[in-house]
Amino acid sequence: MQSLPKCGGRPFLPDMFSIVPAIGGDFNCGKTATWGNIGIDNLAIHLQVTPSMNASQPFPTPAELSGLPCQTFVEQLDGIFEHSPWIARRAWQNRPFKDVPALHAAMLATLEQATPAEQHELICAHPELAGKEATRGTLTAASTQEQQGAGLDQCSPDELVRLRELNAAYRQRFGFPFVVAVKGLSRYQIMDAIQARLLNDRETEFATCLKEIGRIALLRLEARYPSTSRNAMSQHYLPVVPLTREAFMPYGDVIEASSQVKHFTINDGNTERYHDLAHIDPGHDGKAIVSIFRGLPRTLPFQVSMMERHPRGSQAFMPLSGQPYLVVVAPEGEPPALEQLRVFFCQGTQGVNYRTGVWHHPLLALNAVSDFLVIDRSGPGENCDVVGISPAGLIALPE
């Protein structure tokens, strides 16, 4: 394991994660994970990656793509570069492709060899973020998933006004839309990025957009062909189990209204109190504080490449949005090894309280932007240690 700097109470940077869309089963590739209809008894994990969009529409591997006729090859790669099949058509001439990196490199070379007019047309093929295409519902499936993953469909009216003003200012200054690979970014980070890039000259922005388009294409290729992606050989699948008080006991408390906990009627019979559900520990020199965390939904498969702990106090999470979420934990003590990680599927009515010093992964919301009531410690001293997990673990979607 590689040690990482203390987080000092700040959110862990999104680019420390490797996140790729869901695969396999009847779940559409590239969709943010929706767990609400998955039965608890059916929670299971792929023992190997099946590179398919669904059972009836399997994708050939990049190596198999190499043997296809040009038009079929182009059709199979539809959507990798937004509304631009000419990139796949020209890249076909450079086959064979043994894996995703080789295919991506060939497509990037095609882009680099294109004329400035063709490159400009490609940039302009990308929709504005939270723009008219999103309003009309005419985004491609990939763009829809990516924009939703960044929470752009959750913008408040004021945020939407600001974002559209920034989009308009950017297009007026440079003559093409703002393009960024939004995976791992929040809508606030995206707006800040537009503001910052407005200070660049046109040549710099043109090159930046092409670079971001290349990154978007790589993420889409890795989602479609995960078994030949950059990290496929190092992926170790982590089993997911339902959250129960007994199973979570080594790591802390489960917070829920259950017949298994002490409860009694109060307020003249109008209220049932579920009593003393968690041991909140702010440490001898701290105090307990109440906050709300708003988490963006994670996309599956999700790579667990780091863990954190709070050595000076406990940390409790109670979902407020009714959405399920995932919890990854490991015992307190020395930095955990991969085989010590445990993954729990939590219903939207279940909260957790991490005992002081217990290793855990930062918030893993599912389905939608979700709010959590958080009770943790405020006080002197460093209270967040972070370590890397290598090899990383992978949380995938059940069949």
Protein backbone atom coordinates (compact mmCIF):
# COMPACT_ATOMS: atom_id res chain seq x y z
CA MET A 1 0.00 0.00 0.00
CA GLN A 2 1.10 3.50 -0.79
CA SER A 3 0.66 6.11 1.94
CA LEU A 4 -1.05 9.33 0.91
CA PRO A 5 -1.04 12.73 2.61
CA LYS A 6 -3.46 13.46 5.42
CA CYS A 7 -6.66 14.94 4.06
CA GLY A 8 -6.86 17.53 6.84
CA GLY A 9 -10.64 17.50 6.81
CA ARG A 10 -10.90 18.46 3.12
CA PRO A 11 -12.81 16.32 0.61
CA PHE A 12 -10.64 13.75 -1.15
CA LEU A 13 -9.99 14.88 -4.72
CA PRO A 14 -12.20 13.19 -7.34
CA ASP A 15 -9.30 12.52 -9.69
CA MET A 16 -7.83 10.11 -7.16
CA PHE A 17 -10.56 7.67 -8.18
CA SER A 18 -10.99 5.52 -11.24
CA ILE A 19 -14.69 5.40 -12.06
CA VAL A 20 -16.20 3.62 -15.06
CA PRO A 21 -19.85 2.98 -15.98
CA ALA A 22 -21.78 -0.18 -15.27
CA ILE A 23 -21.56 -3.34 -17.34
CA GLY A 24 -23.21 -6.70 -17.72
CA GLY A 25 -26.60 -8.21 -17.08
CA ASP A 26 -29.62 -6.25 -18.23
CA PHE A 27 -28.21 -2.99 -16.98
CA ASN A 28 -27.37 -0.46 -19.68
CA CYS A 29 -23.68 0.22 -20.07
CA GLY A 30 -22.78 3.73 -19.02
CA LYS A 31 -25.72 4.27 -16.66
CA THR A 32 -25.37 5.55 -13.15
CA ALA A 33 -26.08 2.58 -10.91
CA THR A 34 -29.72 2.17 -9.94
CA TRP A 35 -30.07 -0.22 -7.04
CA GLY A 36 -33.61 0.52 -5.89
CA ASN A 37 -35.14 -2.49 -7.68
CA ILE A 38 -32.36 -4.96 -6.89
CA GLY A 39 -33.44 -7.49 -4.29
CA ILE A 40 -31.19 -7.77 -1.26
CA ASP A 41 -31.08 -11.55 -1.66
CA ASN A 42 -29.75 -11.14 -5.20
CA LEU A 43 -26.79 -8.96 -4.29
CA ALA A 44 -23.81 -10.67 -5.86
CA ILE A 45 -20.67 -9.63 -7.65
CA HIS A 46 -19.29 -10.58 -11.04
CA LEU A 47 -16.41 -13.01 -10.68
CA GLN A 48 -15.24 -11.89 -14.09
CA VAL A 49 -16.08 -8.97 -16.33
CA THR A 50 -18.42 -9.65 -19.22
CA PRO A 51 -17.75 -7.01 -21.89
CA SER A 52 -21.35 -6.61 -22.95
CA MET A 53 -23.93 -3.88 -22.95
CA ASN A 54 -26.61 -6.39 -22.14
CA ALA A 55 -27.32 -10.05 -22.69
CA SER A 56 -28.84 -9.50 -26.13
CA GLN A 57 -26.34 -6.97 -27.47
CA PRO A 58 -22.80 -8.12 -26.67
CA PHE A 59 -19.95 -5.88 -27.78
CA PRO A 60 -17.00 -7.56 -29.50
CA THR A 61 -13.65 -6.96 -27.90
CA PRO A 62 -11.24 -4.49 -29.55
CA ALA A 63 -9.36 -7.48 -30.97
CA GLU A 64 -12.58 -8.84 -32.46
CA LEU A 65 -13.45 -5.40 -33.81
CA SER A 66 -10.33 -5.59 -35.96
CA GLY A 67 -11.84 -8.35 -38.07
CA LEU A 68 -15.10 -6.53 -38.80
CA PRO A 69 -15.94 -4.76 -42.07
CA CYS A 70 -15.45 -1.00 -41.92
CA GLN A 71 -19.13 -0.06 -41.64
CA THR A 72 -19.80 -2.59 -38.88
CA PHE A 73 -16.69 -1.38 -37.07
CA VAL A 74 -17.98 2.20 -37.25
CA GLU A 75 -21.41 1.17 -35.99
CA GLN A 76 -19.90 -0.69 -33.03
CA LEU A 77 -17.99 2.44 -32.02
CA ASP A 78 -20.95 4.77 -32.39
CA GLY A 79 -20.98 7.41 -29.66
CA ILE A 80 -17.34 7.16 -28.61
CA PHE A 81 -16.68 10.49 -30.32
CA GLU A 82 -19.79 12.66 -30.24
CA HIS A 83 -21.65 12.56 -33.60
CA SER A 84 -18.37 11.96 -35.44
CA PRO A 85 -18.27 8.50 -37.11
CA TRP A 86 -15.47 9.64 -39.42
CA ILE A 87 -12.92 9.10 -36.64
CA ALA A 88 -13.76 5.39 -36.33
CA ARG A 89 -13.93 5.04 -40.12
CA ARG A 90 -10.41 6.36 -40.61
CA ALA A 91 -9.00 4.56 -37.54
CA TRP A 92 -10.25 1.24 -39.00
CA GLN A 93 -7.39 1.38 -41.50
CA ASN A 94 -4.87 1.08 -38.65
CA ARG A 95 -6.20 -2.23 -37.25
CA PRO A 96 -5.58 -4.65 -35.59
CA PHE A 97 -6.23 -3.38 -32.06
CA LYS A 98 -5.37 -5.75 -29.24
CA ASP A 99 -6.97 -3.72 -26.43
CA VAL A 100 -8.56 -0.41 -25.45
CA PRO A 101 -5.29 1.57 -25.22
CA ALA A 102 -4.35 0.52 -28.77
CA LEU A 103 -7.78 1.39 -30.14
CA HIS A 104 -7.83 4.71 -28.32
CA ALA A 105 -4.35 5.59 -29.57
CA ALA A 106 -5.41 4.92 -33.17
CA MET A 107 -8.49 7.09 -32.80
CA LEU A 108 -6.48 9.90 -31.19
CA ALA A 109 -3.97 9.74 -34.04
CA THR A 110 -6.86 10.13 -36.48
CA LEU A 111 -8.06 13.17 -34.58
CA GLU A 112 -4.59 14.72 -34.52
CA GLN A 113 -4.23 14.22 -38.28
CA ALA A 114 -7.60 15.83 -39.05
CA THR A 115 -7.83 19.30 -40.52
CA PRO A 116 -8.49 22.25 -38.21
CA ALA A 117 -11.95 22.55 -39.77
CA GLU A 118 -12.73 18.90 -38.94
CA GLN A 119 -11.45 19.35 -35.40
CA HIS A 120 -13.58 22.46 -35.00
CA GLU A 121 -16.62 20.55 -36.26
CA LEU A 122 -15.95 17.80 -33.69
CA ILE A 123 -15.77 20.31 -30.83
CA CYS A 124 -19.01 21.92 -32.00
CA ALA A 125 -20.70 18.49 -32.07
CA HIS A 126 -20.53 18.45 -28.26
CA PRO A 127 -23.57 19.77 -26.39
CA GLU A 128 -23.41 22.63 -23.95
CA LEU A 129 -23.52 21.45 -20.37
CA ALA A 130 -27.10 21.72 -19.04
CA GLY A 131 -27.93 23.43 -22.35
CA LYS A 132 -30.83 23.29 -24.77
CA GLU A 133 -30.13 19.66 -25.76
CA ALA A 134 -30.52 18.58 -22.13
CA THR A 135 -33.73 20.59 -21.81
CA ARG A 136 -35.17 19.06 -24.99
CA GLY A 137 -34.04 15.54 -24.11
CA THR A 138 -31.95 15.22 -27.28
CA LEU A 139 -28.61 14.41 -25.66
CA THR A 140 -26.93 11.13 -26.57
CA ALA A 141 -27.20 8.39 -23.95
CA ALA A 142 -23.53 8.80 -23.01
CA SER A 143 -23.80 12.59 -22.62
CA THR A 144 -26.98 12.22 -20.57
CA GLN A 145 -25.31 9.81 -18.16
CA GLU A 146 -22.19 11.96 -17.86
CA GLN A 147 -24.10 15.17 -17.21
CA GLN A 148 -26.37 13.49 -14.67
CA GLY A 149 -23.33 11.98 -12.95
CA ALA A 150 -21.98 15.51 -12.44
CA GLY A 151 -25.31 16.62 -10.96
CA LEU A 152 -26.06 19.01 -13.82
CA ASP A 153 -29.68 17.89 -13.83
CA GLN A 154 -29.88 18.97 -10.18
CA CYS A 155 -29.00 22.64 -10.75
CA SER A 156 -31.03 25.19 -8.85
CA PRO A 157 -32.58 28.01 -10.94
CA ASP A 158 -29.75 30.35 -9.91
CA GLU A 159 -27.10 27.75 -10.74
CA LEU A 160 -28.72 27.13 -14.12
CA VAL A 161 -28.67 30.84 -14.91
CA ARG A 162 -24.99 31.10 -13.98
CA LEU A 163 -24.03 28.01 -15.96
CA ARG A 164 -25.83 29.16 -19.08
CA GLU A 165 -24.34 32.65 -18.81
CA LEU A 166 -20.87 31.08 -18.59
CA ASN A 167 -21.62 28.81 -21.56
CA ALA A 168 -22.76 31.80 -23.62
CA ALA A 169 -19.72 33.87 -22.66
CA TYR A 170 -17.41 30.99 -23.54
CA ARG A 171 -19.01 30.40 -26.94
CA GLN A 172 -18.98 34.10 -27.75
CA ARG A 173 -15.28 34.39 -26.86
CA PHE A 174 -14.01 31.26 -28.61
CA GLY A 175 -16.60 30.32 -31.23
CA PHE A 176 -17.22 26.78 -29.95
CA PRO A 177 -18.80 25.17 -26.85
CA PHE A 178 -16.98 24.50 -23.60
CA VAL A 179 -15.90 20.85 -23.44
CA VAL A 180 -14.69 18.99 -20.36
CA ALA A 181 -14.69 15.35 -19.24
CA VAL A 182 -17.19 15.77 -16.41
CA LYS A 183 -16.68 12.37 -14.78
CA GLY A 184 -15.59 12.94 -11.18
CA LEU A 185 -16.47 16.64 -11.24
CA SER A 186 -19.32 18.41 -9.47
CA ARG A 187 -21.39 21.10 -11.15
CA TYR A 188 -19.64 23.67 -8.96
CA GLN A 189 -16.22 22.54 -10.16
CA ILE A 190 -17.46 22.65 -13.76
CA MET A 191 -18.66 26.24 -13.42
CA ASP A 192 -15.37 27.23 -11.81
CA ALA A 193 -13.51 25.55 -14.69
CA ILE A 194 -15.44 27.53 -17.31
CA GLN A 195 -14.71 30.73 -15.42
CA ALA A 196 -11.00 29.92 -15.28
CA ARG A 197 -10.71 28.84 -18.91
CA LEU A 198 -12.37 32.05 -20.12
CA LEU A 199 -9.02 33.68 -19.35
CA ASN A 200 -7.19 31.54 -21.95
CA ASP A 201 -6.55 32.46 -25.57
CA ARG A 202 -8.38 30.70 -28.39
CA GLU A 203 -5.46 28.48 -29.41
CA THR A 204 -5.05 27.18 -25.86
CA GLU A 205 -8.76 26.48 -25.52
CA PHE A 206 -8.97 24.75 -28.89
CA ALA A 207 -6.20 22.38 -27.82
CA THR A 208 -7.74 21.92 -24.37
CA CYS A 209 -11.11 20.95 -25.85
CA LEU A 210 -9.47 18.35 -28.10
CA LYS A 211 -7.58 16.93 -25.13
CA GLU A 212 -10.80 16.70 -23.09
CA ILE A 213 -12.58 15.03 -26.02
CA GLY A 214 -9.81 12.42 -26.09
CA ARG A 215 -10.30 11.79 -22.37
CA ILE A 216 -14.07 11.47 -22.81
CA ALA A 217 -13.49 8.94 -25.58
CA LEU A 218 -11.14 6.88 -23.39
CA LEU A 219 -13.66 6.78 -20.53
CA ARG A 220 -16.40 5.67 -22.92
CA LEU A 221 -14.16 2.98 -24.43
CA GLU A 222 -13.21 1.68 -20.99
CA ALA A 223 -16.88 1.52 -20.06
CA ARG A 224 -17.74 -0.43 -23.20
CA TYR A 225 -14.74 -2.79 -23.13
CA PRO A 226 -13.76 -3.07 -19.45
CA SER A 227 -11.98 -6.42 -19.77
CA THR A 228 -9.30 -4.83 -22.00
CA SER A 229 -9.10 -1.43 -20.31
CA ARG A 230 -6.07 0.05 -18.58
CA ASN A 231 -6.82 -1.44 -15.16
CA ALA A 232 -8.53 -4.71 -16.08
CA MET A 233 -5.64 -6.96 -15.06
CA SER A 234 -5.41 -5.47 -11.57
CA GLN A 235 -9.11 -5.54 -10.69
CA HIS A 236 -10.15 -7.61 -7.70
CA TYR A 237 -13.88 -7.90 -7.12
CA LEU A 238 -15.29 -7.13 -3.69
CA PRO A 239 -18.45 -8.96 -2.54
CA VAL A 240 -21.38 -6.81 -1.43
CA VAL A 241 -23.62 -7.88 1.46
CA PRO A 242 -26.72 -6.28 2.99
CA LEU A 243 -26.13 -4.02 5.98
CA THR A 244 -27.14 -5.62 9.31
CA ARG A 245 -26.35 -4.69 12.90
CA GLU A 246 -24.55 -7.98 13.49
CA ALA A 247 -22.36 -7.81 10.38
CA PHE A 248 -21.43 -4.15 10.97
CA MET A 249 -20.71 -4.54 14.68
CA PRO A 250 -16.89 -4.77 14.27
CA TYR A 251 -16.91 -1.34 12.59
CA GLY A 252 -19.54 0.65 14.48
CA ASP A 253 -23.30 1.04 14.72
CA VAL A 254 -26.26 0.71 12.38
CA ILE A 255 -28.79 3.53 12.85
CA GLU A 256 -32.36 2.50 12.01
CA ALA A 257 -35.84 2.19 13.44
CA SER A 258 -35.87 -1.53 14.12
CA SER A 259 -37.60 -3.89 16.51
CA GLN A 260 -34.12 -5.12 17.48
CA VAL A 261 -33.26 -1.89 19.33
CA LYS A 262 -34.65 -0.32 22.48
CA HIS A 263 -37.77 1.70 21.65
CA PHE A 264 -40.75 3.08 23.53
CA THR A 265 -43.73 5.38 23.10
CA ILE A 266 -43.56 9.06 24.11
CA ASN A 267 -45.53 12.30 23.55
CA ASP A 268 -48.88 11.00 24.80
CA GLY A 269 -48.67 7.95 22.54
CA ASN A 270 -48.06 9.86 19.32
CA THR A 271 -44.36 9.11 18.88
CA GLU A 272 -42.20 6.01 18.99
CA ARG A 273 -38.66 6.73 20.17
CA TYR A 274 -35.86 4.45 18.96
CA HIS A 275 -33.36 5.11 21.69
CA ASP A 276 -29.58 5.60 21.86
CA LEU A 277 -28.75 4.07 18.46
CA ALA A 278 -25.06 5.01 18.19
CA HIS A 279 -22.06 5.83 20.33
CA ILE A 280 -21.02 9.33 19.25
CA ASP A 281 -17.40 9.92 20.26
CA PRO A 282 -15.96 13.43 19.73
CA GLY A 283 -12.82 12.63 21.71
CA HIS A 284 -11.71 14.21 24.96
CA ASP A 285 -10.78 17.54 23.35
CA GLY A 286 -13.44 17.83 20.64
CA LYS A 287 -17.14 18.48 20.29
CA ALA A 288 -19.84 16.79 18.26
CA ILE A 289 -21.14 18.81 15.31
CA VAL A 290 -24.04 18.25 12.93
CA SER A 291 -23.59 18.80 9.16
CA ILE A 292 -25.26 17.85 5.89
CA PHE A 293 -23.18 16.16 3.18
CA ARG A 294 -24.52 16.24 -0.38
CA GLY A 295 -23.05 13.34 -2.36
CA LEU A 296 -23.02 12.87 -6.13
CA PRO A 297 -24.04 9.38 -7.28
CA ARG A 298 -21.17 7.02 -8.01
CA THR A 299 -21.05 4.98 -11.21
CA LEU A 300 -20.45 1.23 -11.22
CA PRO A 301 -18.14 -0.62 -11.54
CA PHE A 302 -16.33 1.54 -8.98
CA GLN A 303 -12.67 1.12 -8.12
CA VAL A 304 -11.76 1.32 -4.43
CA SER A 305 -8.23 2.68 -4.48
CA MET A 306 -8.07 4.48 -1.13
CA MET A 307 -9.44 4.40 2.41
CA GLU A 308 -9.53 6.94 5.22
CA ARG A 309 -9.99 6.98 8.98
CA HIS A 310 -10.72 9.54 11.69
CA PRO A 311 -8.42 8.74 14.63
CA ARG A 312 -9.87 11.37 16.98
CA GLY A 313 -13.60 10.74 16.74
CA SER A 314 -16.51 8.77 15.34
CA GLN A 315 -18.48 9.75 12.23
CA ALA A 316 -22.18 9.00 11.67
CA PHE A 317 -24.14 9.17 8.39
CA MET A 318 -27.95 9.13 8.15
CA PRO A 319 -29.47 9.33 4.64
CA LEU A 320 -32.05 12.08 4.14
CA SER A 321 -33.01 11.47 0.51
CA GLY A 322 -34.31 7.90 0.80
CA GLN A 323 -31.72 6.58 -1.65
CA PRO A 324 -29.55 3.49 -1.10
CA TYR A 325 -25.79 3.82 -0.78
CA LEU A 326 -22.67 1.70 -0.27
CA VAL A 327 -20.29 1.53 2.68
CA VAL A 328 -16.74 0.15 2.46
CA VAL A 329 -15.00 -0.52 5.78
CA ALA A 330 -11.95 -2.22 7.28
CA PRO A 331 -10.91 -2.81 10.90
CA GLU A 332 -9.22 -0.08 12.92
CA GLY A 333 -5.47 -0.35 13.36
CA GLU A 334 -2.83 -0.71 10.68
CA PRO A 335 -3.62 0.40 7.11
CA PRO A 336 -5.88 -2.27 5.61
CA ALA A 337 -5.03 -4.83 2.96
CA LEU A 338 -7.42 -5.51 0.10
CA GLU A 339 -8.70 -8.75 1.64
CA GLN A 340 -9.78 -6.86 4.78
CA LEU A 341 -12.24 -4.59 2.94
CA ARG A 342 -15.94 -5.22 3.47
CA VAL A 343 -18.69 -3.69 1.32
CA PHE A 344 -22.24 -3.18 2.63
CA PHE A 345 -25.36 -2.26 0.67
CA CYS A 346 -27.39 0.18 2.80
CA GLN A 347 -31.07 0.95 2.36
CA GLY A 348 -32.16 4.58 2.31
CA THR A 349 -33.61 4.12 5.82
CA GLN A 350 -30.35 2.85 7.36
CA GLY A 351 -27.57 5.00 8.77
CA VAL A 352 -24.11 4.02 9.96
CA ASN A 353 -21.76 5.28 12.64
CA TYR A 354 -18.06 4.56 12.10
CA ARG A 355 -16.26 3.86 15.34
CA THR A 356 -13.21 6.03 16.05
CA GLY A 357 -10.27 4.86 13.95
CA VAL A 358 -12.24 2.52 11.68
CA TRP A 359 -11.06 2.64 8.07
CA HIS A 360 -13.77 3.52 5.56
CA HIS A 361 -14.23 4.87 2.07
CA PRO A 362 -15.71 8.35 1.55
CA LEU A 363 -19.40 8.67 0.75
CA LEU A 364 -20.70 6.33 -1.99
CA ALA A 365 -24.17 7.57 -2.94
CA LEU A 366 -26.16 5.65 -5.57
CA ASN A 367 -28.96 6.54 -8.00
CA ALA A 368 -29.12 10.31 -7.47
CA VAL A 369 -27.60 13.28 -5.67
CA SER A 370 -28.25 12.43 -2.01
CA ASP A 371 -28.14 14.30 1.27
CA PHE A 372 -26.83 12.79 4.50
CA LEU A 373 -27.05 14.11 8.05
CA VAL A 374 -23.52 13.74 9.45
CA ILE A 375 -22.48 13.85 13.11
CA ASP A 376 -18.74 13.95 13.64
CA ARG A 377 -15.98 15.76 15.52
CA SER A 378 -14.74 19.31 15.48
CA GLY A 379 -11.61 20.10 17.44
CA PRO A 380 -7.82 20.48 17.40
CA GLY A 381 -5.43 18.10 15.68
CA GLU A 382 -5.40 16.15 12.41
CA ASN A 383 -8.40 13.87 12.17
CA CYS A 384 -8.20 12.29 8.73
CA ASP A 385 -5.59 9.76 7.62
CA VAL A 386 -5.67 8.50 4.03
CA VAL A 387 -3.97 5.44 2.52
CA GLY A 388 -3.91 3.99 -0.96
CA ILE A 389 -5.13 0.45 -1.70
CA SER A 390 -2.98 -1.46 -4.19
CA PRO A 391 -4.07 -3.58 -5.87
CA ALA A 392 -7.41 -1.82 -5.93
CA GLY A 393 -10.76 -3.47 -5.32
CA LEU A 394 -13.71 -3.24 -7.68
CA ILE A 395 -17.39 -2.97 -6.80
CA ALA A 396 -19.51 -4.15 -9.71
CA LEU A 397 -23.18 -4.56 -10.50
CA PRO A 398 -24.96 -7.87 -9.90
CA GLU A 399 -26.27 -9.84 -12.86
